[in-house]
């Protein structure tokens, strides 16, 4: 079963940038959609961005124009370029493959912590 491992998080000042990576242990080509999600302690996990196998992207309103999702099927990688970071972007970030029916096709990984200081 394909496992997903997130990396690239860290501590950054407001206005800074980070690039998150999601490495899959197997092929992601079969996943039509891959996405990034984030969770703040005590709150539900929220959708951030998704990308289809055809490259169609969609973003949560608060990150539009600042975040860019991409995928490399040949390398089994999904990325999230985050620019102009804000303190409210602080969260643990996860990647997964949404089924489109309200559930996810893979188990959740450990995520990667992003902390943005003001």
N, C-alpha and C. Protein backbone atom coordinates (compact mmCIF):
# COMPACT_ATOMS: atom_id res chain seq x y z
N UNK A 1 0.84 -1.19 0.00
CA UNK A 1 0.00 0.00 0.00
C UNK A 1 0.88 1.24 0.00
N UNK A 2 0.52 2.21 -0.83
CA UNK A 2 1.31 3.42 -0.94
C UNK A 2 1.20 4.24 0.33
N UNK A 3 2.37 4.62 0.87
CA UNK A 3 2.40 5.48 2.04
C UNK A 3 2.90 6.85 1.63
N UNK A 4 2.45 7.86 2.37
CA UNK A 4 2.78 9.24 2.07
C UNK A 4 3.58 9.84 3.22
N UNK A 5 4.68 10.50 2.89
CA UNK A 5 5.53 11.11 3.90
C UNK A 5 5.75 12.58 3.55
N UNK A 6 5.33 13.44 4.46
CA UNK A 6 5.45 14.88 4.25
C UNK A 6 6.75 15.40 4.86
N UNK A 7 7.31 16.43 4.25
CA UNK A 7 8.52 17.07 4.77
C UNK A 7 8.60 18.49 4.28
N UNK A 8 9.55 19.24 4.82
CA UNK A 8 9.79 20.59 4.35
C UNK A 8 9.27 21.69 5.24
N UNK A 9 8.59 21.31 6.31
CA UNK A 9 8.07 22.33 7.22
C UNK A 9 9.17 22.97 8.04
N UNK A 10 8.80 23.96 8.82
CA UNK A 10 9.77 24.62 9.66
C UNK A 10 9.23 25.90 10.24
N UNK A 11 10.12 26.68 10.82
CA UNK A 11 9.77 27.97 11.40
C UNK A 11 10.21 29.07 10.44
N UNK A 12 9.30 29.95 10.12
CA UNK A 12 9.60 31.02 9.18
C UNK A 12 8.89 32.29 9.64
N UNK A 13 9.47 33.42 9.31
CA UNK A 13 8.83 34.68 9.65
C UNK A 13 7.71 34.99 8.67
N UNK A 14 6.78 35.79 9.12
CA UNK A 14 5.69 36.22 8.24
C UNK A 14 6.28 36.86 6.99
N UNK A 15 5.69 36.53 5.86
CA UNK A 15 6.20 37.01 4.58
C UNK A 15 7.19 36.08 3.92
N UNK A 16 7.63 35.08 4.65
CA UNK A 16 8.60 34.14 4.12
C UNK A 16 7.97 33.04 3.29
N UNK A 17 8.81 32.10 2.87
CA UNK A 17 8.37 31.02 1.99
C UNK A 17 8.87 29.67 2.49
N UNK A 18 8.11 28.65 2.18
CA UNK A 18 8.50 27.27 2.41
C UNK A 18 8.00 26.42 1.26
N UNK A 19 8.70 25.33 1.00
CA UNK A 19 8.24 24.37 0.01
C UNK A 19 8.07 23.01 0.68
N UNK A 20 6.84 22.55 0.73
CA UNK A 20 6.55 21.25 1.31
C UNK A 20 6.62 20.17 0.24
N UNK A 21 7.07 19.00 0.65
CA UNK A 21 7.13 17.86 -0.25
C UNK A 21 6.35 16.69 0.33
N UNK A 22 5.74 15.93 -0.53
CA UNK A 22 5.03 14.72 -0.14
C UNK A 22 5.59 13.59 -1.00
N UNK A 23 6.28 12.67 -0.35
CA UNK A 23 6.89 11.55 -1.06
C UNK A 23 6.03 10.30 -0.89
N UNK A 24 5.68 9.70 -2.00
CA UNK A 24 4.88 8.47 -1.97
C UNK A 24 5.79 7.26 -2.12
N UNK A 25 5.47 6.20 -1.39
CA UNK A 25 6.29 4.98 -1.46
C UNK A 25 6.02 4.17 -2.72
N UNK A 26 5.00 4.56 -3.46
CA UNK A 26 4.68 3.90 -4.72
C UNK A 26 4.10 4.90 -5.70
N UNK A 27 3.54 4.39 -6.76
CA UNK A 27 3.03 5.26 -7.80
C UNK A 27 1.82 6.06 -7.36
N UNK A 28 1.82 7.34 -7.73
CA UNK A 28 0.65 8.19 -7.48
C UNK A 28 -0.15 8.40 -8.76
N UNK A 29 0.30 7.78 -9.83
CA UNK A 29 -0.36 7.98 -11.12
C UNK A 29 -1.81 7.54 -11.09
N UNK A 30 -2.11 6.55 -10.25
CA UNK A 30 -3.47 6.05 -10.19
C UNK A 30 -4.41 6.94 -9.40
N UNK A 31 -3.84 7.90 -8.69
CA UNK A 31 -4.66 8.84 -7.92
C UNK A 31 -4.99 10.04 -8.79
N UNK A 32 -6.24 10.13 -9.19
CA UNK A 32 -6.63 11.25 -10.06
C UNK A 32 -6.35 12.58 -9.38
N UNK A 33 -6.62 12.65 -8.09
CA UNK A 33 -6.45 13.91 -7.36
C UNK A 33 -5.54 13.69 -6.16
N UNK A 34 -4.62 14.63 -5.96
CA UNK A 34 -3.80 14.68 -4.76
C UNK A 34 -4.03 16.03 -4.10
N UNK A 35 -3.93 16.05 -2.80
CA UNK A 35 -4.21 17.30 -2.11
C UNK A 35 -3.35 17.53 -0.89
N UNK A 36 -3.33 18.77 -0.47
CA UNK A 36 -2.70 19.17 0.78
C UNK A 36 -3.80 19.64 1.74
N UNK A 37 -3.59 19.31 3.00
CA UNK A 37 -4.55 19.64 4.05
C UNK A 37 -3.76 20.14 5.25
N UNK A 38 -4.41 20.86 6.14
CA UNK A 38 -3.72 21.35 7.33
C UNK A 38 -4.62 21.27 8.54
N UNK A 39 -3.97 21.15 9.68
CA UNK A 39 -4.71 21.01 10.92
C UNK A 39 -4.03 21.75 12.05
N UNK A 40 -4.84 22.53 12.76
CA UNK A 40 -4.40 23.23 13.95
C UNK A 40 -4.89 22.42 15.15
N UNK A 41 -4.08 22.29 16.21
CA UNK A 41 -4.53 21.50 17.37
C UNK A 41 -5.90 21.92 17.87
N UNK A 42 -6.74 20.92 18.08
CA UNK A 42 -8.08 21.19 18.58
C UNK A 42 -9.10 21.50 17.51
N UNK A 43 -8.66 21.55 16.26
CA UNK A 43 -9.59 21.85 15.17
C UNK A 43 -9.55 20.73 14.14
N UNK A 44 -10.52 20.72 13.26
CA UNK A 44 -10.58 19.69 12.23
C UNK A 44 -9.52 19.96 11.17
N UNK A 45 -9.21 18.90 10.44
CA UNK A 45 -8.27 19.03 9.34
C UNK A 45 -8.99 19.70 8.16
N UNK A 46 -8.37 20.74 7.60
CA UNK A 46 -8.98 21.51 6.53
C UNK A 46 -8.25 21.32 5.21
N UNK A 47 -9.00 21.40 4.15
CA UNK A 47 -8.45 21.33 2.80
C UNK A 47 -7.70 22.62 2.48
N UNK A 48 -6.55 22.49 1.79
CA UNK A 48 -5.76 23.64 1.37
C UNK A 48 -5.74 23.76 -0.15
N UNK A 49 -5.39 22.67 -0.83
CA UNK A 49 -5.26 22.71 -2.29
C UNK A 49 -5.32 21.30 -2.84
N UNK A 50 -5.77 21.18 -4.08
CA UNK A 50 -5.77 19.91 -4.77
C UNK A 50 -5.28 20.08 -6.20
N UNK A 51 -4.80 18.98 -6.75
CA UNK A 51 -4.35 18.96 -8.14
C UNK A 51 -4.75 17.63 -8.75
N UNK A 52 -5.30 17.69 -9.96
CA UNK A 52 -5.69 16.47 -10.64
C UNK A 52 -4.53 15.92 -11.45
N UNK A 53 -4.71 14.73 -11.99
CA UNK A 53 -3.67 14.14 -12.82
C UNK A 53 -3.45 14.94 -14.10
N UNK A 54 -4.45 15.70 -14.47
CA UNK A 54 -4.32 16.54 -15.66
C UNK A 54 -3.75 17.92 -15.37
N UNK A 55 -3.46 18.17 -14.08
CA UNK A 55 -2.85 19.44 -13.71
C UNK A 55 -3.83 20.53 -13.31
N UNK A 56 -5.09 20.19 -13.20
CA UNK A 56 -6.07 21.18 -12.78
C UNK A 56 -5.95 21.40 -11.28
N UNK A 57 -5.81 22.65 -10.88
CA UNK A 57 -5.61 22.97 -9.47
C UNK A 57 -6.80 23.72 -8.89
N UNK A 58 -6.92 23.59 -7.57
CA UNK A 58 -7.97 24.30 -6.86
C UNK A 58 -7.43 24.65 -5.48
N UNK A 59 -7.77 25.87 -5.01
CA UNK A 59 -7.20 26.35 -3.76
C UNK A 59 -8.28 26.87 -2.83
N UNK A 60 -8.03 26.68 -1.54
CA UNK A 60 -8.87 27.31 -0.53
C UNK A 60 -8.67 28.81 -0.65
N UNK A 61 -9.72 29.56 -0.42
CA UNK A 61 -9.72 30.99 -0.71
C UNK A 61 -8.57 31.74 -0.05
N UNK A 62 -8.24 31.42 1.19
CA UNK A 62 -7.25 32.20 1.94
C UNK A 62 -5.82 31.99 1.43
N UNK A 63 -5.59 30.96 0.62
CA UNK A 63 -4.23 30.71 0.13
C UNK A 63 -4.08 31.01 -1.36
N UNK A 64 -5.16 31.37 -2.01
CA UNK A 64 -5.09 31.69 -3.44
C UNK A 64 -4.11 32.82 -3.69
N UNK A 65 -3.26 32.62 -4.69
CA UNK A 65 -2.28 33.64 -5.03
C UNK A 65 -1.01 33.57 -4.21
N UNK A 66 -1.02 32.75 -3.14
CA UNK A 66 0.17 32.62 -2.30
C UNK A 66 0.75 31.21 -2.36
N UNK A 67 -0.10 30.21 -2.47
CA UNK A 67 0.35 28.82 -2.49
C UNK A 67 0.21 28.25 -3.90
N UNK A 68 1.11 27.33 -4.24
CA UNK A 68 1.06 26.64 -5.52
C UNK A 68 1.29 25.15 -5.31
N UNK A 69 0.32 24.36 -5.74
CA UNK A 69 0.45 22.91 -5.65
C UNK A 69 0.94 22.35 -6.98
N UNK A 70 1.78 21.34 -6.92
CA UNK A 70 2.26 20.70 -8.14
C UNK A 70 2.51 19.22 -7.84
N UNK A 71 2.61 18.45 -8.90
CA UNK A 71 2.87 17.01 -8.73
C UNK A 71 3.81 16.53 -9.83
N UNK A 72 4.61 15.54 -9.49
CA UNK A 72 5.52 14.93 -10.43
C UNK A 72 5.26 13.43 -10.37
N UNK A 73 4.45 12.93 -11.27
CA UNK A 73 4.08 11.52 -11.24
C UNK A 73 5.29 10.61 -11.45
N UNK A 74 6.24 11.06 -12.23
CA UNK A 74 7.42 10.24 -12.50
C UNK A 74 8.24 10.01 -11.23
N UNK A 75 8.23 11.01 -10.35
CA UNK A 75 8.98 10.91 -9.09
C UNK A 75 8.10 10.54 -7.92
N UNK A 76 6.81 10.40 -8.17
CA UNK A 76 5.85 10.10 -7.10
C UNK A 76 5.91 11.13 -5.99
N UNK A 77 5.88 12.40 -6.40
CA UNK A 77 5.99 13.51 -5.47
C UNK A 77 4.88 14.52 -5.68
N UNK A 78 4.47 15.13 -4.59
CA UNK A 78 3.53 16.24 -4.63
C UNK A 78 4.16 17.38 -3.81
N UNK A 79 4.03 18.59 -4.30
CA UNK A 79 4.67 19.73 -3.65
C UNK A 79 3.64 20.82 -3.31
N UNK A 80 4.01 21.63 -2.34
CA UNK A 80 3.22 22.81 -2.02
C UNK A 80 4.19 23.96 -1.79
N UNK A 81 4.26 24.86 -2.74
CA UNK A 81 5.08 26.07 -2.59
C UNK A 81 4.24 27.12 -1.87
N UNK A 82 4.74 27.57 -0.74
CA UNK A 82 3.99 28.52 0.07
C UNK A 82 4.77 29.83 0.17
N UNK A 83 4.21 30.89 -0.36
CA UNK A 83 4.83 32.21 -0.32
C UNK A 83 3.99 33.16 0.51
N UNK A 84 4.59 34.27 0.87
CA UNK A 84 3.87 35.31 1.64
C UNK A 84 3.15 34.70 2.83
N UNK A 85 3.85 33.88 3.57
CA UNK A 85 3.23 33.16 4.68
C UNK A 85 2.75 34.11 5.76
N UNK A 86 1.65 33.71 6.39
CA UNK A 86 1.03 34.48 7.45
C UNK A 86 0.97 33.63 8.72
N UNK A 87 0.92 34.28 9.88
CA UNK A 87 0.81 33.50 11.13
C UNK A 87 -0.37 32.53 11.12
N UNK A 88 -1.46 32.89 10.46
CA UNK A 88 -2.62 32.00 10.41
C UNK A 88 -2.41 30.77 9.54
N UNK A 89 -1.28 30.71 8.84
CA UNK A 89 -0.94 29.50 8.08
C UNK A 89 -0.28 28.45 8.97
N UNK A 90 0.00 28.81 10.21
CA UNK A 90 0.62 27.86 11.14
C UNK A 90 -0.28 26.66 11.36
N UNK A 91 0.26 25.48 11.12
CA UNK A 91 -0.51 24.24 11.23
C UNK A 91 0.41 23.06 10.90
N UNK A 92 -0.11 21.88 11.10
CA UNK A 92 0.54 20.67 10.59
C UNK A 92 -0.07 20.40 9.21
N UNK A 93 0.78 20.22 8.23
CA UNK A 93 0.34 20.02 6.85
C UNK A 93 0.48 18.56 6.45
N UNK A 94 -0.56 18.07 5.78
CA UNK A 94 -0.61 16.68 5.34
C UNK A 94 -0.95 16.60 3.86
N UNK A 95 -0.53 15.53 3.23
CA UNK A 95 -0.98 15.27 1.87
C UNK A 95 -1.77 13.97 1.87
N UNK A 96 -2.67 13.85 0.90
CA UNK A 96 -3.45 12.64 0.76
C UNK A 96 -4.15 12.67 -0.59
N UNK A 97 -4.81 11.57 -0.89
CA UNK A 97 -5.54 11.45 -2.15
C UNK A 97 -7.03 11.36 -1.83
N UNK A 98 -7.77 12.41 -2.08
CA UNK A 98 -9.21 12.39 -1.80
C UNK A 98 -9.93 11.53 -2.83
N UNK A 99 -10.92 10.81 -2.35
CA UNK A 99 -11.68 9.93 -3.25
C UNK A 99 -12.73 10.70 -4.04
N UNK A 100 -13.11 11.86 -3.51
CA UNK A 100 -14.20 12.60 -4.11
C UNK A 100 -15.55 12.22 -3.52
N UNK A 101 -15.51 11.25 -2.60
CA UNK A 101 -16.74 10.79 -1.96
C UNK A 101 -16.70 10.99 -0.46
N UNK A 102 -15.82 11.88 -0.01
CA UNK A 102 -15.77 12.20 1.41
C UNK A 102 -14.77 11.40 2.21
N UNK A 103 -14.07 10.48 1.57
CA UNK A 103 -13.04 9.75 2.30
C UNK A 103 -11.75 9.81 1.50
N UNK A 104 -10.66 9.37 2.15
CA UNK A 104 -9.35 9.46 1.55
C UNK A 104 -8.81 8.07 1.25
N UNK A 105 -7.99 8.03 0.18
CA UNK A 105 -7.56 6.74 -0.33
C UNK A 105 -6.35 6.17 0.38
N UNK A 106 -5.66 6.98 1.18
CA UNK A 106 -4.49 6.53 1.90
C UNK A 106 -4.62 6.92 3.37
N UNK A 107 -3.84 6.23 4.19
CA UNK A 107 -3.79 6.61 5.60
C UNK A 107 -3.05 7.93 5.73
N UNK A 108 -3.39 8.66 6.77
CA UNK A 108 -2.72 9.93 7.01
C UNK A 108 -1.31 9.68 7.54
N UNK A 109 -0.35 10.48 7.04
CA UNK A 109 1.01 10.40 7.52
C UNK A 109 1.19 11.23 8.78
N UNK A 110 2.44 11.49 9.11
CA UNK A 110 2.76 12.26 10.31
C UNK A 110 2.58 13.75 10.09
N UNK A 111 2.59 14.16 8.85
CA UNK A 111 2.49 15.58 8.56
C UNK A 111 3.80 16.30 8.80
N UNK A 112 3.82 17.58 8.44
CA UNK A 112 5.00 18.41 8.66
C UNK A 112 4.54 19.73 9.26
N UNK A 113 5.20 20.13 10.32
CA UNK A 113 4.79 21.33 11.06
C UNK A 113 5.28 22.59 10.36
N UNK A 114 4.38 23.52 10.15
CA UNK A 114 4.73 24.85 9.64
C UNK A 114 4.35 25.86 10.70
N UNK A 115 5.33 26.65 11.10
CA UNK A 115 5.09 27.68 12.10
C UNK A 115 5.54 29.02 11.53
N UNK A 116 4.62 29.97 11.49
CA UNK A 116 4.90 31.29 10.95
C UNK A 116 4.84 32.29 12.09
N UNK A 117 5.95 32.95 12.35
CA UNK A 117 6.00 33.93 13.43
C UNK A 117 5.70 35.32 12.90
N UNK A 118 5.09 36.12 13.75
CA UNK A 118 4.72 37.49 13.33
C UNK A 118 5.85 38.46 13.60
